[in-house]
Amino acid sequence: MKLLIVDDSIAMQKTIERHLNGYDLEIVGTANNGKVALEMVKSKNPDCVTLDITMPEMDGITCLENMKKIKPEIKVMIITALSDKHTGLLAIEKGARGFLFKPVDPDDLAKAFDSLLNRN
């Protein structure tokens, strides 16, 4: 299972990577904005993605819509500092499979990935 981490914060990318270490996922790359993420979806063909909402160049919702056009079966987990319910619902509506708020708790992330990858 190949994972792409998309977040404009390098610290957050590292945190997600550390929390998912040993989770039977091959991290195929990291992207700091939606435009880079879309290129990486095309070139690296990840099975799942962690995706931030607030990023430069292209926000997470727009990126999510485009990712789903490129690879409809991709599994997307939104991880964001935005705590408004509307954004979460919009992301789910657009095809995200899960939603977590920052700061990310390792246990919550593991549970969310169990659910995302149907490992329960």
N, C-alpha and C. Protein backbone atom coordinates (compact mmCIF):
# COMPACT_ATOMS: atom_id res chain seq x y z
N MET A 1 0.84 -1.18 0.00
CA MET A 1 0.00 0.00 0.00
C MET A 1 0.89 1.25 0.00
N LYS A 2 0.75 2.09 -1.02
CA LYS A 2 1.61 3.27 -1.16
C LYS A 2 0.89 4.53 -0.65
N LEU A 3 1.63 5.31 0.16
CA LEU A 3 1.08 6.51 0.78
C LEU A 3 1.81 7.76 0.31
N LEU A 4 1.03 8.80 0.01
CA LEU A 4 1.57 10.13 -0.28
C LEU A 4 1.11 11.06 0.84
N ILE A 5 2.05 11.82 1.42
CA ILE A 5 1.72 12.76 2.50
C ILE A 5 1.73 14.17 1.92
N VAL A 6 0.60 14.87 2.06
CA VAL A 6 0.48 16.23 1.50
C VAL A 6 0.17 17.21 2.62
N ASP A 7 1.14 18.07 2.92
CA ASP A 7 0.97 19.09 3.95
C ASP A 7 2.02 20.16 3.72
N ASP A 8 1.65 21.44 3.88
CA ASP A 8 2.61 22.50 3.65
C ASP A 8 3.60 22.65 4.81
N SER A 9 3.35 21.94 5.91
CA SER A 9 4.27 21.97 7.05
C SER A 9 5.17 20.73 7.03
N ILE A 10 6.47 20.96 6.91
CA ILE A 10 7.42 19.84 6.91
C ILE A 10 7.36 19.12 8.26
N ALA A 11 7.18 19.87 9.35
CA ALA A 11 7.07 19.26 10.67
C ALA A 11 5.87 18.30 10.71
N MET A 12 4.76 18.70 10.11
CA MET A 12 3.57 17.85 10.09
C MET A 12 3.81 16.62 9.21
N GLN A 13 4.48 16.81 8.07
CA GLN A 13 4.82 15.67 7.20
C GLN A 13 5.62 14.64 8.00
N LYS A 14 6.61 15.12 8.75
CA LYS A 14 7.48 14.23 9.54
C LYS A 14 6.67 13.55 10.65
N THR A 15 5.76 14.28 11.28
CA THR A 15 4.93 13.72 12.35
C THR A 15 4.07 12.58 11.82
N ILE A 16 3.42 12.81 10.68
CA ILE A 16 2.56 11.78 10.07
C ILE A 16 3.42 10.56 9.71
N GLU A 17 4.57 10.83 9.11
CA GLU A 17 5.49 9.76 8.72
C GLU A 17 5.91 8.94 9.95
N ARG A 18 6.26 9.62 11.02
CA ARG A 18 6.69 8.95 12.25
C ARG A 18 5.54 8.13 12.86
N HIS A 19 4.35 8.71 12.91
CA HIS A 19 3.19 8.01 13.49
C HIS A 19 2.81 6.77 12.69
N LEU A 20 3.04 6.80 11.38
CA LEU A 20 2.65 5.67 10.53
C LEU A 20 3.81 4.72 10.25
N ASN A 21 4.96 4.98 10.86
CA ASN A 21 6.12 4.12 10.69
C ASN A 21 5.79 2.70 11.17
N GLY A 22 6.13 1.71 10.38
CA GLY A 22 5.83 0.34 10.77
C GLY A 22 4.38 -0.02 10.54
N TYR A 23 3.68 0.76 9.75
CA TYR A 23 2.27 0.52 9.50
C TYR A 23 2.03 -0.21 8.19
N ASP A 24 3.04 -0.86 7.64
CA ASP A 24 2.88 -1.60 6.40
C ASP A 24 2.45 -0.68 5.26
N LEU A 25 3.01 0.54 5.26
CA LEU A 25 2.75 1.50 4.19
C LEU A 25 4.10 1.92 3.63
N GLU A 26 4.17 2.02 2.32
CA GLU A 26 5.38 2.55 1.69
C GLU A 26 5.11 4.02 1.40
N ILE A 27 5.85 4.90 2.06
CA ILE A 27 5.66 6.33 1.82
C ILE A 27 6.40 6.69 0.54
N VAL A 28 5.64 6.99 -0.51
CA VAL A 28 6.23 7.22 -1.83
C VAL A 28 6.59 8.68 -2.07
N GLY A 29 6.21 9.56 -1.13
CA GLY A 29 6.60 10.95 -1.29
C GLY A 29 5.83 11.88 -0.38
N THR A 30 6.29 13.13 -0.38
CA THR A 30 5.60 14.19 0.35
C THR A 30 5.46 15.37 -0.61
N ALA A 31 4.38 16.12 -0.42
CA ALA A 31 4.14 17.30 -1.25
C ALA A 31 3.72 18.44 -0.32
N ASN A 32 4.13 19.67 -0.65
CA ASN A 32 3.79 20.79 0.22
C ASN A 32 2.66 21.66 -0.33
N ASN A 33 2.07 21.26 -1.46
CA ASN A 33 0.87 21.94 -1.96
C ASN A 33 0.12 21.03 -2.92
N GLY A 34 -1.09 21.42 -3.25
CA GLY A 34 -1.96 20.59 -4.08
C GLY A 34 -1.44 20.34 -5.49
N LYS A 35 -0.79 21.34 -6.08
CA LYS A 35 -0.28 21.17 -7.45
C LYS A 35 0.79 20.08 -7.50
N VAL A 36 1.73 20.14 -6.55
CA VAL A 36 2.78 19.12 -6.48
C VAL A 36 2.15 17.76 -6.20
N ALA A 37 1.16 17.74 -5.31
CA ALA A 37 0.48 16.49 -4.96
C ALA A 37 -0.13 15.82 -6.19
N LEU A 38 -0.78 16.59 -7.04
CA LEU A 38 -1.42 16.02 -8.24
C LEU A 38 -0.38 15.42 -9.18
N GLU A 39 0.76 16.09 -9.33
CA GLU A 39 1.84 15.54 -10.16
C GLU A 39 2.32 14.22 -9.58
N MET A 40 2.42 14.17 -8.25
CA MET A 40 2.91 12.96 -7.59
C MET A 40 1.90 11.82 -7.66
N VAL A 41 0.62 12.16 -7.67
CA VAL A 41 -0.41 11.11 -7.84
C VAL A 41 -0.22 10.46 -9.21
N LYS A 42 0.06 11.30 -10.22
CA LYS A 42 0.28 10.77 -11.57
C LYS A 42 1.57 9.95 -11.66
N SER A 43 2.66 10.45 -11.04
CA SER A 43 3.95 9.78 -11.20
C SER A 43 4.18 8.63 -10.22
N LYS A 44 3.70 8.74 -8.99
CA LYS A 44 3.99 7.74 -7.95
C LYS A 44 2.84 6.75 -7.75
N ASN A 45 1.65 7.09 -8.24
CA ASN A 45 0.48 6.21 -8.16
C ASN A 45 0.20 5.68 -6.74
N PRO A 46 0.04 6.59 -5.74
CA PRO A 46 -0.22 6.12 -4.38
C PRO A 46 -1.63 5.53 -4.25
N ASP A 47 -1.79 4.63 -3.27
CA ASP A 47 -3.10 4.04 -2.99
C ASP A 47 -3.90 4.93 -2.03
N CYS A 48 -3.15 5.63 -1.16
CA CYS A 48 -3.81 6.50 -0.19
C CYS A 48 -2.98 7.76 0.03
N VAL A 49 -3.68 8.79 0.54
CA VAL A 49 -3.07 10.11 0.70
C VAL A 49 -3.54 10.73 2.01
N THR A 50 -2.61 11.36 2.74
CA THR A 50 -3.04 12.25 3.81
C THR A 50 -2.99 13.64 3.20
N LEU A 51 -4.03 14.43 3.43
CA LEU A 51 -4.16 15.70 2.71
C LEU A 51 -4.56 16.83 3.65
N ASP A 52 -3.76 17.89 3.65
CA ASP A 52 -4.07 19.10 4.40
C ASP A 52 -5.07 19.91 3.58
N ILE A 53 -5.81 20.81 4.24
CA ILE A 53 -6.76 21.64 3.51
C ILE A 53 -6.14 22.99 3.14
N THR A 54 -5.53 23.66 4.13
CA THR A 54 -5.00 25.00 3.91
C THR A 54 -3.55 24.93 3.46
N MET A 55 -3.35 25.16 2.14
CA MET A 55 -2.00 25.10 1.57
C MET A 55 -1.87 26.18 0.48
N PRO A 56 -0.63 26.60 0.19
CA PRO A 56 -0.44 27.53 -0.92
C PRO A 56 -0.66 26.84 -2.27
N GLU A 57 -0.76 27.63 -3.32
CA GLU A 57 -0.90 27.13 -4.70
C GLU A 57 -2.28 26.52 -4.99
N MET A 58 -2.64 25.49 -4.24
CA MET A 58 -3.92 24.82 -4.44
C MET A 58 -4.35 24.22 -3.11
N ASP A 59 -5.57 24.54 -2.67
CA ASP A 59 -6.05 24.04 -1.38
C ASP A 59 -6.42 22.56 -1.47
N GLY A 60 -6.60 21.96 -0.31
CA GLY A 60 -6.86 20.53 -0.23
C GLY A 60 -8.16 20.07 -0.88
N ILE A 61 -9.21 20.89 -0.77
CA ILE A 61 -10.50 20.50 -1.36
C ILE A 61 -10.39 20.44 -2.89
N THR A 62 -9.78 21.47 -3.49
CA THR A 62 -9.58 21.48 -4.94
C THR A 62 -8.68 20.32 -5.36
N CYS A 63 -7.63 20.10 -4.58
CA CYS A 63 -6.71 19.00 -4.85
C CYS A 63 -7.45 17.65 -4.79
N LEU A 64 -8.28 17.48 -3.77
CA LEU A 64 -9.06 16.25 -3.60
C LEU A 64 -9.94 15.98 -4.82
N GLU A 65 -10.64 17.02 -5.28
CA GLU A 65 -11.51 16.87 -6.46
C GLU A 65 -10.71 16.40 -7.67
N ASN A 66 -9.54 17.01 -7.87
CA ASN A 66 -8.69 16.65 -9.01
C ASN A 66 -8.07 15.26 -8.86
N MET A 67 -7.67 14.91 -7.64
CA MET A 67 -7.13 13.56 -7.39
C MET A 67 -8.14 12.49 -7.76
N LYS A 68 -9.40 12.74 -7.38
CA LYS A 68 -10.47 11.77 -7.65
C LYS A 68 -10.71 11.61 -9.16
N LYS A 69 -10.44 12.68 -9.92
CA LYS A 69 -10.57 12.59 -11.39
C LYS A 69 -9.44 11.75 -11.97
N ILE A 70 -8.22 11.92 -11.41
CA ILE A 70 -7.05 11.18 -11.89
C ILE A 70 -7.15 9.71 -11.48
N LYS A 71 -7.52 9.46 -10.23
CA LYS A 71 -7.55 8.10 -9.69
C LYS A 71 -8.77 7.96 -8.76
N PRO A 72 -9.93 7.62 -9.31
CA PRO A 72 -11.17 7.59 -8.52
C PRO A 72 -11.13 6.71 -7.28
N GLU A 73 -10.31 5.65 -7.29
CA GLU A 73 -10.28 4.71 -6.16
C GLU A 73 -9.31 5.12 -5.04
N ILE A 74 -8.61 6.24 -5.21
CA ILE A 74 -7.64 6.67 -4.20
C ILE A 74 -8.34 6.96 -2.88
N LYS A 75 -7.69 6.55 -1.78
CA LYS A 75 -8.26 6.73 -0.44
C LYS A 75 -7.60 7.95 0.20
N VAL A 76 -8.41 8.93 0.55
CA VAL A 76 -7.88 10.20 1.06
C VAL A 76 -8.32 10.44 2.50
N MET A 77 -7.31 10.72 3.34
CA MET A 77 -7.53 11.09 4.74
C MET A 77 -7.18 12.56 4.90
N ILE A 78 -8.17 13.38 5.22
CA ILE A 78 -7.92 14.81 5.45
C ILE A 78 -7.34 14.98 6.86
N ILE A 79 -6.24 15.71 6.97
CA ILE A 79 -5.65 16.05 8.27
C ILE A 79 -5.44 17.56 8.26
N THR A 80 -6.23 18.28 9.07
CA THR A 80 -6.23 19.74 8.98
C THR A 80 -6.32 20.43 10.33
N ALA A 81 -5.87 21.67 10.36
CA ALA A 81 -6.01 22.49 11.57
C ALA A 81 -7.37 23.19 11.57
N LEU A 82 -8.03 23.22 10.42
CA LEU A 82 -9.37 23.84 10.36
C LEU A 82 -10.33 22.98 11.14
N SER A 83 -11.02 23.57 12.09
CA SER A 83 -11.91 22.74 12.90
C SER A 83 -13.38 23.02 12.59
N ASP A 84 -13.65 23.64 11.42
CA ASP A 84 -15.06 23.89 11.15
C ASP A 84 -15.70 22.68 10.46
N LYS A 85 -16.88 22.36 10.92
CA LYS A 85 -17.60 21.15 10.47
C LYS A 85 -17.90 21.20 8.97
N HIS A 86 -18.21 22.39 8.45
CA HIS A 86 -18.56 22.53 7.03
C HIS A 86 -17.46 22.00 6.13
N THR A 87 -16.21 22.36 6.43
CA THR A 87 -15.07 21.93 5.62
C THR A 87 -14.95 20.41 5.64
N GLY A 88 -15.14 19.83 6.82
CA GLY A 88 -15.07 18.38 6.96
C GLY A 88 -16.15 17.69 6.12
N LEU A 89 -17.35 18.20 6.21
CA LEU A 89 -18.46 17.62 5.43
C LEU A 89 -18.22 17.78 3.94
N LEU A 90 -17.70 18.94 3.55
CA LEU A 90 -17.40 19.18 2.14
C LEU A 90 -16.35 18.18 1.63
N ALA A 91 -15.32 17.95 2.43
CA ALA A 91 -14.27 17.01 2.05
C ALA A 91 -14.83 15.59 1.89
N ILE A 92 -15.71 15.18 2.80
CA ILE A 92 -16.33 13.85 2.73
C ILE A 92 -17.21 13.78 1.47
N GLU A 93 -17.95 14.86 1.24
CA GLU A 93 -18.81 14.95 0.04
C GLU A 93 -17.99 14.79 -1.24
N LYS A 94 -16.78 15.36 -1.25
CA LYS A 94 -15.92 15.33 -2.43
C LYS A 94 -15.14 14.02 -2.56
N GLY A 95 -15.28 13.13 -1.57
CA GLY A 95 -14.66 11.82 -1.72
C GLY A 95 -13.63 11.43 -0.69
N ALA A 96 -13.36 12.29 0.31
CA ALA A 96 -12.42 11.90 1.37
C ALA A 96 -13.04 10.76 2.17
N ARG A 97 -12.20 9.85 2.65
CA ARG A 97 -12.69 8.70 3.42
C ARG A 97 -12.60 8.93 4.92
N GLY A 98 -11.85 9.97 5.34
CA GLY A 98 -11.68 10.23 6.77
C GLY A 98 -11.24 11.65 7.01
N PHE A 99 -11.30 12.07 8.26
CA PHE A 99 -11.04 13.45 8.62
C PHE A 99 -10.46 13.51 10.03
N LEU A 100 -9.28 14.09 10.19
CA LEU A 100 -8.66 14.27 11.51
C LEU A 100 -8.24 15.72 11.69
N PHE A 101 -8.26 16.16 12.95
CA PHE A 101 -7.81 17.52 13.26
C PHE A 101 -6.40 17.50 13.83
N LYS A 102 -5.63 18.54 13.50
CA LYS A 102 -4.30 18.72 14.08
C LYS A 102 -4.47 19.37 15.45
N PRO A 103 -3.57 19.12 16.41
CA PRO A 103 -2.45 18.19 16.32
C PRO A 103 -2.96 16.74 16.30
N VAL A 104 -2.25 15.89 15.57
CA VAL A 104 -2.68 14.52 15.37
C VAL A 104 -2.18 13.62 16.50
N ASP A 105 -3.10 12.91 17.09
CA ASP A 105 -2.76 11.93 18.11
C ASP A 105 -2.39 10.62 17.41
N PRO A 106 -1.26 9.98 17.79
CA PRO A 106 -0.84 8.74 17.11
C PRO A 106 -1.91 7.65 17.12
N ASP A 107 -2.62 7.51 18.24
CA ASP A 107 -3.67 6.48 18.32
C ASP A 107 -4.83 6.79 17.39
N ASP A 108 -5.22 8.06 17.34
CA ASP A 108 -6.32 8.46 16.45
C ASP A 108 -5.93 8.23 14.99
N LEU A 109 -4.67 8.54 14.67
CA LEU A 109 -4.19 8.35 13.30
C LEU A 109 -4.21 6.87 12.94
N ALA A 110 -3.74 6.02 13.85
CA ALA A 110 -3.74 4.58 13.61
C ALA A 110 -5.18 4.06 13.41
N LYS A 111 -6.10 4.50 14.27
CA LYS A 111 -7.51 4.07 14.15
C LYS A 111 -8.09 4.55 12.82
N ALA A 112 -7.79 5.81 12.47
CA ALA A 112 -8.29 6.37 11.22
C ALA A 112 -7.77 5.58 10.02
N PHE A 113 -6.49 5.17 10.08
CA PHE A 113 -5.92 4.38 8.98
C PHE A 113 -6.46 2.96 8.96
N ASP A 114 -6.74 2.39 10.11
CA ASP A 114 -7.39 1.07 10.16
C ASP A 114 -8.72 1.15 9.41
N SER A 115 -9.45 2.20 9.67
CA SER A 115 -10.74 2.40 9.03
C SER A 115 -10.58 2.69 7.54
N LEU A 116 -9.64 3.58 7.20
CA LEU A 116 -9.39 3.97 5.81
C LEU A 116 -9.03 2.75 4.97
N LEU A 117 -8.21 1.86 5.53
CA LEU A 117 -7.72 0.70 4.79
C LEU A 117 -8.50 -0.57 5.10
N ASN A 118 -9.64 -0.39 5.75
CA ASN A 118 -10.52 -1.53 6.10
C ASN A 118 -9.78 -2.62 6.88
N ARG A 119 -9.04 -2.23 7.90
CA ARG A 119 -8.25 -3.19 8.68
C ARG A 119 -8.81 -3.36 10.08
N ASN A 120 -10.13 -3.43 10.24
CA ASN A 120 -10.63 -3.50 11.63
C ASN A 120 -11.10 -4.88 12.00
